[in-house]
């Protein structure tokens, strides 16, 4: 059965398989990035490890990042911190669609706005007491579907509880950097 574009039979089968073989839950996603010029760079995403094996997509996914002219860039793509907002919105929305499908709730509209406030004095090294990243992020959803307001709100809450991006943003994650300079 497909609800909200989600094949619920496959979704539940995947959950059952992973319950029986927890090692299949181990995934590693990757992105490579190349500098182009100025603040313009491009990431390519393709291969990943998951469900016990390496996977290669049929095509590369490429994403340009840059800064707007007011921040010395050429505006060839969103800023990296804007990609972070996109990642949060996309993760919450994908999860919401899966959860609604699993609960048998047909959706007719899902949209969100994600806003982040940042003070560039930190990034620019002007004020060491100002953090480099966002001071706060707000997410606002508009949902419509065959459910009560409470049920729709519960979908968003369950999606938040299961969101990998939300988890990384709110709990942090160790990040290491290896440099090979020549």
N, C-alpha and C. Protein backbone atom coordinates (compact mmCIF):
# COMPACT_ATOMS: atom_id res chain seq x y z
N UNK A 1 0.84 -1.18 0.00
CA UNK A 1 0.00 0.00 0.00
C UNK A 1 0.89 1.25 0.00
N UNK A 2 0.53 2.22 -0.79
CA UNK A 2 1.28 3.48 -0.85
C UNK A 2 0.42 4.60 -0.29
N UNK A 3 0.95 5.29 0.71
CA UNK A 3 0.30 6.46 1.30
C UNK A 3 1.32 7.59 1.29
N UNK A 4 0.93 8.75 0.79
CA UNK A 4 1.81 9.92 0.72
C UNK A 4 3.07 9.65 -0.10
N UNK A 5 2.97 8.74 -1.05
CA UNK A 5 4.12 8.39 -1.86
C UNK A 5 5.08 7.42 -1.17
N UNK A 6 4.71 6.92 -0.01
CA UNK A 6 5.54 6.00 0.76
C UNK A 6 4.97 4.59 0.63
N UNK A 7 5.80 3.66 0.20
CA UNK A 7 5.40 2.25 0.11
C UNK A 7 5.46 1.69 1.53
N UNK A 8 4.32 1.66 2.21
CA UNK A 8 4.30 1.26 3.62
C UNK A 8 4.68 -0.21 3.81
N UNK A 9 4.39 -1.06 2.84
CA UNK A 9 4.79 -2.46 2.96
C UNK A 9 6.32 -2.57 3.03
N UNK A 10 6.99 -1.83 2.16
CA UNK A 10 8.46 -1.84 2.17
C UNK A 10 8.99 -1.20 3.44
N UNK A 11 8.36 -0.11 3.88
CA UNK A 11 8.78 0.56 5.11
C UNK A 11 8.73 -0.40 6.29
N UNK A 12 7.60 -1.08 6.48
CA UNK A 12 7.46 -2.00 7.61
C UNK A 12 8.37 -3.23 7.45
N UNK A 13 8.56 -3.69 6.21
CA UNK A 13 9.47 -4.82 5.98
C UNK A 13 10.90 -4.44 6.34
N UNK A 14 11.30 -3.22 5.99
CA UNK A 14 12.64 -2.73 6.32
C UNK A 14 12.83 -2.68 7.84
N UNK A 15 11.83 -2.16 8.54
CA UNK A 15 11.91 -2.10 10.00
C UNK A 15 12.04 -3.50 10.59
N UNK A 16 11.27 -4.45 10.09
CA UNK A 16 11.33 -5.82 10.60
C UNK A 16 12.69 -6.47 10.34
N UNK A 17 13.25 -6.24 9.13
CA UNK A 17 14.55 -6.82 8.80
C UNK A 17 15.63 -6.25 9.72
N UNK A 18 15.61 -4.94 9.94
CA UNK A 18 16.62 -4.31 10.79
C UNK A 18 16.47 -4.75 12.25
N UNK A 19 15.23 -4.96 12.69
CA UNK A 19 15.03 -5.49 14.05
C UNK A 19 15.72 -6.84 14.20
N UNK A 20 15.63 -7.68 13.17
CA UNK A 20 16.22 -9.01 13.21
C UNK A 20 17.72 -9.02 12.94
N UNK A 21 18.21 -8.01 12.24
CA UNK A 21 19.64 -7.93 11.90
C UNK A 21 20.12 -6.49 12.14
N UNK A 22 20.33 -6.11 13.40
CA UNK A 22 20.67 -4.72 13.72
C UNK A 22 21.93 -4.20 13.01
N UNK A 23 22.83 -5.09 12.61
CA UNK A 23 24.04 -4.64 11.91
C UNK A 23 23.70 -3.96 10.58
N UNK A 24 22.54 -4.26 10.01
CA UNK A 24 22.14 -3.64 8.75
C UNK A 24 21.79 -2.16 8.91
N UNK A 25 21.63 -1.71 10.16
CA UNK A 25 21.30 -0.31 10.42
C UNK A 25 22.51 0.61 10.33
N UNK A 26 23.70 0.03 10.21
CA UNK A 26 24.92 0.85 10.17
C UNK A 26 25.13 1.42 8.77
N UNK A 27 25.09 2.74 8.66
CA UNK A 27 25.26 3.45 7.39
C UNK A 27 26.40 4.44 7.50
N UNK A 28 27.03 4.74 6.38
CA UNK A 28 28.02 5.82 6.30
C UNK A 28 27.73 6.59 5.01
N UNK A 29 27.36 7.86 5.17
CA UNK A 29 27.13 8.73 4.02
C UNK A 29 28.37 9.58 3.81
N UNK A 30 28.60 10.00 2.57
CA UNK A 30 29.81 10.73 2.22
C UNK A 30 29.51 11.87 1.26
N UNK A 31 30.32 12.90 1.35
CA UNK A 31 30.29 13.99 0.39
C UNK A 31 31.73 14.40 0.11
N UNK A 32 32.04 14.70 -1.14
CA UNK A 32 33.34 15.26 -1.48
C UNK A 32 33.11 16.69 -1.94
N UNK A 33 34.08 17.54 -1.68
CA UNK A 33 33.92 18.95 -2.00
C UNK A 33 35.18 19.46 -2.67
N UNK A 34 34.99 20.33 -3.65
CA UNK A 34 36.11 20.96 -4.37
C UNK A 34 35.89 22.46 -4.42
N UNK A 35 36.94 23.18 -4.12
CA UNK A 35 36.93 24.63 -4.23
C UNK A 35 36.96 25.01 -5.70
N UNK A 36 36.17 26.01 -6.09
CA UNK A 36 36.15 26.49 -7.46
C UNK A 36 36.88 27.82 -7.56
N UNK A 37 36.40 28.83 -6.83
CA UNK A 37 37.05 30.13 -6.82
C UNK A 37 36.39 31.01 -5.75
N UNK A 38 37.16 31.81 -5.09
CA UNK A 38 36.60 32.67 -4.07
C UNK A 38 35.91 31.84 -3.01
N UNK A 39 34.65 32.14 -2.73
CA UNK A 39 33.89 31.37 -1.74
C UNK A 39 33.02 30.30 -2.41
N UNK A 40 33.16 30.14 -3.72
CA UNK A 40 32.38 29.17 -4.50
C UNK A 40 33.05 27.79 -4.43
N UNK A 41 32.27 26.77 -4.06
CA UNK A 41 32.76 25.40 -4.04
C UNK A 41 31.61 24.46 -4.38
N UNK A 42 31.94 23.22 -4.68
CA UNK A 42 30.91 22.26 -5.12
C UNK A 42 31.11 20.93 -4.41
N UNK A 43 30.02 20.42 -3.85
CA UNK A 43 30.03 19.09 -3.24
C UNK A 43 29.40 18.09 -4.20
N UNK A 44 29.95 16.88 -4.19
CA UNK A 44 29.39 15.78 -4.97
C UNK A 44 29.06 14.66 -3.99
N UNK A 45 27.86 14.13 -4.14
CA UNK A 45 27.40 13.05 -3.27
C UNK A 45 26.97 11.88 -4.15
N UNK A 46 27.51 10.70 -3.85
CA UNK A 46 27.11 9.53 -4.60
C UNK A 46 27.18 8.29 -3.73
N UNK A 47 28.32 7.69 -3.58
CA UNK A 47 28.44 6.41 -2.89
C UNK A 47 28.17 6.51 -1.40
N UNK A 48 27.67 5.42 -0.84
CA UNK A 48 27.46 5.31 0.60
C UNK A 48 27.48 3.84 0.97
N UNK A 49 27.70 3.57 2.25
CA UNK A 49 27.64 2.22 2.77
C UNK A 49 26.37 2.08 3.58
N UNK A 50 25.63 1.01 3.36
CA UNK A 50 24.43 0.78 4.15
C UNK A 50 23.84 -0.59 3.86
N UNK A 51 23.08 -1.09 4.81
CA UNK A 51 22.47 -2.41 4.70
C UNK A 51 23.51 -3.48 4.39
N UNK A 52 24.71 -3.30 4.96
CA UNK A 52 25.76 -4.31 4.85
C UNK A 52 26.60 -4.27 3.60
N UNK A 53 26.45 -3.23 2.77
CA UNK A 53 27.24 -3.19 1.54
C UNK A 53 27.40 -1.76 1.00
N UNK A 54 28.33 -1.61 0.07
CA UNK A 54 28.53 -0.33 -0.63
C UNK A 54 27.43 -0.15 -1.67
N UNK A 55 27.00 1.09 -1.85
CA UNK A 55 26.00 1.44 -2.86
C UNK A 55 26.53 2.61 -3.69
N UNK A 56 26.20 2.59 -4.97
CA UNK A 56 26.51 3.70 -5.87
C UNK A 56 25.22 4.12 -6.54
N UNK A 57 24.94 5.40 -6.51
CA UNK A 57 23.73 5.92 -7.16
C UNK A 57 23.93 5.96 -8.66
N UNK A 58 22.83 6.00 -9.40
CA UNK A 58 22.89 6.04 -10.86
C UNK A 58 23.54 7.33 -11.36
N UNK A 59 23.43 8.40 -10.58
CA UNK A 59 24.02 9.68 -10.98
C UNK A 59 24.52 10.42 -9.74
N UNK A 60 25.53 11.24 -9.94
CA UNK A 60 26.03 12.09 -8.87
C UNK A 60 25.01 13.17 -8.54
N UNK A 61 24.94 13.53 -7.29
CA UNK A 61 24.19 14.72 -6.88
C UNK A 61 25.23 15.80 -6.59
N UNK A 62 25.08 16.95 -7.25
CA UNK A 62 26.05 18.04 -7.10
C UNK A 62 25.36 19.26 -6.52
N UNK A 63 26.05 19.91 -5.59
CA UNK A 63 25.50 21.08 -4.92
C UNK A 63 26.57 22.16 -4.83
N UNK A 64 26.28 23.30 -5.42
CA UNK A 64 27.18 24.44 -5.33
C UNK A 64 26.85 25.24 -4.08
N UNK A 65 27.89 25.76 -3.45
CA UNK A 65 27.74 26.65 -2.31
C UNK A 65 28.58 27.89 -2.57
N UNK A 66 28.13 29.01 -2.07
CA UNK A 66 28.84 30.28 -2.25
C UNK A 66 28.29 31.25 -1.23
N UNK A 67 28.81 32.43 -1.26
CA UNK A 67 28.29 33.52 -0.43
C UNK A 67 27.68 34.56 -1.35
N UNK A 68 26.74 35.35 -0.85
CA UNK A 68 26.20 36.43 -1.67
C UNK A 68 27.23 37.54 -1.82
N UNK A 69 27.06 38.42 -2.80
CA UNK A 69 28.03 39.50 -3.00
C UNK A 69 28.31 40.34 -1.76
N UNK A 70 27.31 40.57 -0.94
CA UNK A 70 27.53 41.37 0.27
C UNK A 70 28.51 40.69 1.23
N UNK A 71 28.74 39.39 1.04
CA UNK A 71 29.71 38.65 1.85
C UNK A 71 30.87 38.16 0.98
N UNK A 72 31.21 38.90 -0.03
CA UNK A 72 32.35 38.70 -0.94
C UNK A 72 32.23 37.51 -1.86
N UNK A 73 31.03 36.98 -2.03
CA UNK A 73 30.85 35.82 -2.91
C UNK A 73 30.26 36.20 -4.25
N UNK A 74 30.08 35.20 -5.07
CA UNK A 74 29.50 35.37 -6.40
C UNK A 74 28.06 34.91 -6.49
N UNK A 75 27.48 34.46 -5.37
CA UNK A 75 26.09 34.01 -5.31
C UNK A 75 25.81 32.86 -6.27
N UNK A 76 26.76 31.92 -6.34
CA UNK A 76 26.61 30.74 -7.21
C UNK A 76 25.86 29.61 -6.54
N UNK A 77 25.39 29.82 -5.34
CA UNK A 77 24.63 28.81 -4.61
C UNK A 77 24.34 29.31 -3.22
N UNK A 78 23.54 28.58 -2.47
CA UNK A 78 23.26 28.96 -1.08
C UNK A 78 24.54 28.94 -0.24
N UNK A 79 24.51 29.65 0.87
CA UNK A 79 25.63 29.58 1.81
C UNK A 79 25.58 28.23 2.53
N UNK A 80 26.71 27.78 3.08
CA UNK A 80 26.69 26.52 3.83
C UNK A 80 25.67 26.51 4.98
N UNK A 81 25.51 27.65 5.66
CA UNK A 81 24.54 27.66 6.76
C UNK A 81 23.10 27.60 6.25
N UNK A 82 22.85 28.03 5.01
CA UNK A 82 21.53 27.86 4.41
C UNK A 82 21.28 26.40 4.06
N UNK A 83 22.32 25.69 3.64
CA UNK A 83 22.18 24.24 3.40
C UNK A 83 21.80 23.53 4.69
N UNK A 84 22.32 24.01 5.81
CA UNK A 84 21.97 23.41 7.10
C UNK A 84 20.48 23.57 7.38
N UNK A 85 19.93 24.75 7.07
CA UNK A 85 18.48 24.96 7.24
C UNK A 85 17.70 24.02 6.33
N UNK A 86 18.17 23.88 5.09
CA UNK A 86 17.53 22.96 4.14
C UNK A 86 17.59 21.53 4.68
N UNK A 87 18.74 21.12 5.21
CA UNK A 87 18.87 19.75 5.73
C UNK A 87 17.88 19.50 6.86
N UNK A 88 17.70 20.47 7.73
CA UNK A 88 16.75 20.31 8.83
C UNK A 88 15.32 20.20 8.29
N UNK A 89 14.94 21.10 7.40
CA UNK A 89 13.58 21.06 6.83
C UNK A 89 13.34 19.75 6.09
N UNK A 90 14.32 19.33 5.30
CA UNK A 90 14.17 18.11 4.51
C UNK A 90 14.06 16.87 5.39
N UNK A 91 14.86 16.80 6.44
CA UNK A 91 14.83 15.64 7.33
C UNK A 91 13.50 15.57 8.07
N UNK A 92 13.05 16.69 8.61
CA UNK A 92 11.77 16.70 9.32
C UNK A 92 10.61 16.36 8.38
N UNK A 93 10.64 16.88 7.16
CA UNK A 93 9.55 16.63 6.20
C UNK A 93 9.55 15.18 5.75
N UNK A 94 10.71 14.63 5.44
CA UNK A 94 10.79 13.22 5.04
C UNK A 94 10.29 12.30 6.14
N UNK A 95 10.73 12.56 7.35
CA UNK A 95 10.28 11.76 8.48
C UNK A 95 8.79 11.87 8.69
N UNK A 96 8.27 13.09 8.58
CA UNK A 96 6.84 13.32 8.75
C UNK A 96 6.02 12.52 7.74
N UNK A 97 6.46 12.52 6.49
CA UNK A 97 5.75 11.76 5.44
C UNK A 97 5.75 10.26 5.75
N UNK A 98 6.90 9.74 6.20
CA UNK A 98 6.98 8.32 6.56
C UNK A 98 6.08 7.98 7.74
N UNK A 99 6.13 8.83 8.76
CA UNK A 99 5.34 8.57 9.98
C UNK A 99 3.85 8.64 9.66
N UNK A 100 3.45 9.65 8.89
CA UNK A 100 2.03 9.76 8.51
C UNK A 100 1.60 8.52 7.74
N UNK A 101 2.43 8.07 6.81
CA UNK A 101 2.09 6.88 6.04
C UNK A 101 1.98 5.66 6.94
N UNK A 102 2.92 5.51 7.86
CA UNK A 102 2.90 4.38 8.79
C UNK A 102 1.64 4.39 9.65
N UNK A 103 1.14 5.58 9.96
CA UNK A 103 -0.07 5.70 10.78
C UNK A 103 -1.34 5.73 9.95
N UNK A 104 -1.19 5.62 8.62
CA UNK A 104 -2.35 5.60 7.73
C UNK A 104 -3.01 6.96 7.56
N UNK A 105 -2.24 8.03 7.72
CA UNK A 105 -2.78 9.39 7.61
C UNK A 105 -2.40 9.98 6.26
N UNK A 106 -3.35 10.15 5.35
CA UNK A 106 -3.04 10.80 4.07
C UNK A 106 -2.80 12.30 4.27
N UNK A 107 -1.74 12.80 3.69
CA UNK A 107 -1.42 14.23 3.75
C UNK A 107 -1.78 14.88 2.42
N UNK A 108 -2.25 16.13 2.48
CA UNK A 108 -2.53 16.87 1.25
C UNK A 108 -1.59 18.05 1.08
N UNK A 109 -0.97 18.50 2.17
CA UNK A 109 -0.02 19.61 2.08
C UNK A 109 0.92 19.58 3.27
N UNK A 110 2.20 19.75 2.99
CA UNK A 110 3.20 19.92 4.04
C UNK A 110 4.16 20.98 3.54
N UNK A 111 4.30 22.05 4.29
CA UNK A 111 5.29 23.07 3.96
C UNK A 111 5.89 23.57 5.26
N UNK A 112 7.12 24.05 5.16
CA UNK A 112 7.78 24.57 6.35
C UNK A 112 8.66 25.75 5.98
N UNK A 113 8.90 26.57 6.96
CA UNK A 113 9.85 27.67 6.85
C UNK A 113 10.83 27.50 7.99
N UNK A 114 12.12 27.57 7.66
CA UNK A 114 13.16 27.44 8.67
C UNK A 114 13.99 28.71 8.63
N UNK A 115 14.14 29.34 9.77
CA UNK A 115 14.90 30.59 9.87
C UNK A 115 15.99 30.42 10.92
N UNK A 116 17.16 30.96 10.62
CA UNK A 116 18.26 30.93 11.56
C UNK A 116 18.87 32.31 11.72
N UNK A 117 19.18 32.66 12.95
CA UNK A 117 19.78 33.97 13.25
C UNK A 117 21.26 33.79 13.54
N UNK A 118 22.08 34.57 12.84
CA UNK A 118 23.52 34.47 12.99
C UNK A 118 24.12 35.88 13.07
N UNK A 119 25.11 36.03 13.90
CA UNK A 119 25.82 37.30 14.06
C UNK A 119 27.21 37.12 13.45
N UNK A 120 27.48 37.79 12.35
CA UNK A 120 28.74 37.60 11.63
C UNK A 120 29.97 38.10 12.38
N UNK A 121 29.79 38.80 13.51
CA UNK A 121 30.95 39.26 14.27
C UNK A 121 31.82 38.09 14.74
N UNK A 122 31.19 36.92 14.95
CA UNK A 122 31.96 35.74 15.36
C UNK A 122 32.79 35.21 14.21
N UNK A 123 32.14 34.96 13.06
CA UNK A 123 32.83 34.42 11.88
C UNK A 123 33.94 35.35 11.42
N UNK A 124 33.69 36.66 11.47
CA UNK A 124 34.66 37.64 10.98
C UNK A 124 35.77 37.93 11.99
N UNK A 125 35.72 37.32 13.18
CA UNK A 125 36.75 37.51 14.18
C UNK A 125 36.71 38.86 14.86
N UNK A 126 35.59 39.55 14.79
CA UNK A 126 35.46 40.89 15.38
C UNK A 126 35.22 40.81 16.88
N UNK A 127 34.40 39.83 17.30
CA UNK A 127 34.05 39.68 18.71
C UNK A 127 34.14 38.21 19.09
N UNK A 128 35.12 37.88 19.91
CA UNK A 128 35.35 36.48 20.29
C UNK A 128 34.27 35.92 21.21
N UNK A 129 33.41 36.79 21.75
CA UNK A 129 32.33 36.30 22.61
C UNK A 129 31.11 35.90 21.79
N UNK A 130 31.11 36.20 20.50
CA UNK A 130 29.99 35.85 19.62
C UNK A 130 30.30 34.52 18.94
N UNK A 131 29.38 33.59 19.03
CA UNK A 131 29.61 32.28 18.42
C UNK A 131 29.60 32.41 16.90
N UNK A 132 30.24 31.47 16.23
CA UNK A 132 30.32 31.48 14.76
C UNK A 132 29.02 31.02 14.11
N UNK A 133 28.29 30.19 14.79
CA UNK A 133 27.09 29.59 14.20
C UNK A 133 25.82 30.29 14.58
N UNK A 134 24.71 29.64 14.25
CA UNK A 134 23.39 30.19 14.55
C UNK A 134 23.20 30.36 16.05
N UNK A 135 22.54 31.46 16.44
CA UNK A 135 22.14 31.69 17.83
C UNK A 135 20.85 30.95 18.12
N UNK A 136 20.05 30.77 17.09
CA UNK A 136 18.78 30.09 17.24
C UNK A 136 18.20 29.76 15.87
N UNK A 137 17.42 28.70 15.82
CA UNK A 137 16.76 28.26 14.59
C UNK A 137 15.29 28.02 14.93
N UNK A 138 14.41 28.49 14.05
CA UNK A 138 12.97 28.30 14.23
C UNK A 138 12.41 27.56 13.02
N UNK A 139 11.56 26.57 13.28
CA UNK A 139 10.90 25.82 12.22
C UNK A 139 9.39 26.02 12.39
N UNK A 140 8.73 26.35 11.30
CA UNK A 140 7.28 26.52 11.30
C UNK A 140 6.69 25.64 10.21
N UNK A 141 5.76 24.77 10.60
CA UNK A 141 5.11 23.86 9.66
C UNK A 141 3.67 24.28 9.39
N UNK A 142 3.22 24.03 8.17
CA UNK A 142 1.81 24.08 7.81
C UNK A 142 1.46 22.72 7.25
N UNK A 143 0.47 22.08 7.86
CA UNK A 143 0.07 20.72 7.47
C UNK A 143 -1.42 20.66 7.19
N UNK A 144 -1.74 19.84 6.22
CA UNK A 144 -3.13 19.51 5.96
C UNK A 144 -3.18 18.03 5.60
N UNK A 145 -4.21 17.39 6.08
CA UNK A 145 -4.38 15.98 5.79
C UNK A 145 -5.64 15.46 6.43
N UNK A 146 -5.86 14.17 6.26
CA UNK A 146 -7.05 13.52 6.78
C UNK A 146 -6.82 13.11 8.23
N UNK A 147 -6.73 14.14 9.11
CA UNK A 147 -6.48 13.91 10.52
C UNK A 147 -6.85 15.16 11.31
N UNK A 148 -6.94 15.01 12.61
CA UNK A 148 -7.23 16.15 13.48
C UNK A 148 -5.97 17.02 13.61
N UNK A 149 -6.15 18.23 14.12
CA UNK A 149 -5.00 19.11 14.36
C UNK A 149 -4.03 18.44 15.32
N UNK A 150 -4.54 17.78 16.32
CA UNK A 150 -3.69 17.11 17.31
C UNK A 150 -2.88 15.98 16.67
N UNK A 151 -3.53 15.21 15.79
CA UNK A 151 -2.82 14.12 15.11
C UNK A 151 -1.73 14.67 14.19
N UNK A 152 -2.03 15.75 13.48
CA UNK A 152 -1.03 16.36 12.59
C UNK A 152 0.14 16.92 13.40
N UNK A 153 -0.16 17.57 14.52
CA UNK A 153 0.91 18.09 15.39
C UNK A 153 1.75 16.94 15.94
N UNK A 154 1.11 15.81 16.25
CA UNK A 154 1.85 14.65 16.76
C UNK A 154 2.79 14.08 15.70
N UNK A 155 2.43 14.19 14.43
CA UNK A 155 3.34 13.75 13.35
C UNK A 155 4.62 14.57 13.37
N UNK A 156 4.48 15.88 13.52
CA UNK A 156 5.66 16.75 13.55
C UNK A 156 6.52 16.41 14.76
N UNK A 157 5.89 16.22 15.92
CA UNK A 157 6.64 15.89 17.13
C UNK A 157 7.37 14.56 16.99
N UNK A 158 6.73 13.55 16.43
CA UNK A 158 7.39 12.26 16.24
C UNK A 158 8.52 12.38 15.23
N UNK A 159 8.34 13.17 14.19
CA UNK A 159 9.40 13.39 13.22
C UNK A 159 10.59 14.07 13.89
N UNK A 160 10.32 15.04 14.75
CA UNK A 160 11.41 15.71 15.48
C UNK A 160 12.17 14.69 16.33
N UNK A 161 11.45 13.81 17.01
CA UNK A 161 12.09 12.82 17.87
C UNK A 161 12.98 11.86 17.08
N UNK A 162 12.65 11.60 15.82
CA UNK A 162 13.39 10.63 15.01
C UNK A 162 14.34 11.27 14.00
N UNK A 163 14.41 12.59 13.95
CA UNK A 163 15.22 13.28 12.95
C UNK A 163 16.72 13.21 13.26
N UNK A 164 17.49 12.69 12.32
CA UNK A 164 18.94 12.64 12.48
C UNK A 164 19.54 14.05 12.47
N UNK A 165 19.03 14.92 11.61
CA UNK A 165 19.57 16.28 11.54
C UNK A 165 19.23 17.05 12.81
N UNK A 166 18.02 16.92 13.32
CA UNK A 166 17.66 17.56 14.59
C UNK A 166 18.61 17.08 15.68
N UNK A 167 18.85 15.77 15.72
CA UNK A 167 19.74 15.20 16.73
C UNK A 167 21.14 15.80 16.65
N UNK A 168 21.69 15.87 15.45
CA UNK A 168 23.04 16.42 15.28
C UNK A 168 23.08 17.89 15.73
N UNK A 169 22.06 18.65 15.35
CA UNK A 169 22.03 20.07 15.71
C UNK A 169 21.84 20.31 17.19
N UNK A 170 21.02 19.52 17.84
CA UNK A 170 20.70 19.79 19.24
C UNK A 170 21.59 19.04 20.23
N UNK A 171 22.24 17.96 19.79
CA UNK A 171 23.11 17.19 20.68
C UNK A 171 24.57 17.26 20.30
N UNK A 172 24.86 17.79 19.13
CA UNK A 172 26.25 17.84 18.69
C UNK A 172 26.75 16.47 18.29
N UNK A 173 27.85 16.44 17.62
CA UNK A 173 28.48 15.20 17.18
C UNK A 173 29.97 15.46 17.06
N UNK A 174 30.81 14.51 17.46
CA UNK A 174 32.25 14.71 17.31
C UNK A 174 32.61 14.85 15.82
N UNK A 175 33.42 15.84 15.52
CA UNK A 175 33.89 16.06 14.14
C UNK A 175 35.41 16.12 14.19
N UNK A 176 36.03 15.34 13.32
CA UNK A 176 37.49 15.39 13.24
C UNK A 176 37.89 15.92 11.87
N UNK A 177 39.05 16.55 11.80
CA UNK A 177 39.57 17.06 10.53
C UNK A 177 40.96 16.50 10.34
N UNK A 178 41.21 15.91 9.18
CA UNK A 178 42.52 15.38 8.81
C UNK A 178 43.02 16.26 7.65
N UNK A 179 44.23 16.75 7.75
CA UNK A 179 44.79 17.64 6.72
C UNK A 179 45.99 16.98 6.07
N UNK A 180 45.96 16.93 4.73
CA UNK A 180 47.11 16.48 3.95
C UNK A 180 47.55 17.65 3.12
N UNK A 181 48.58 18.32 3.53
CA UNK A 181 49.05 19.52 2.83
C UNK A 181 50.35 19.19 2.11
N UNK A 182 50.50 19.79 0.94
CA UNK A 182 51.72 19.48 0.20
C UNK A 182 52.34 20.67 -0.44
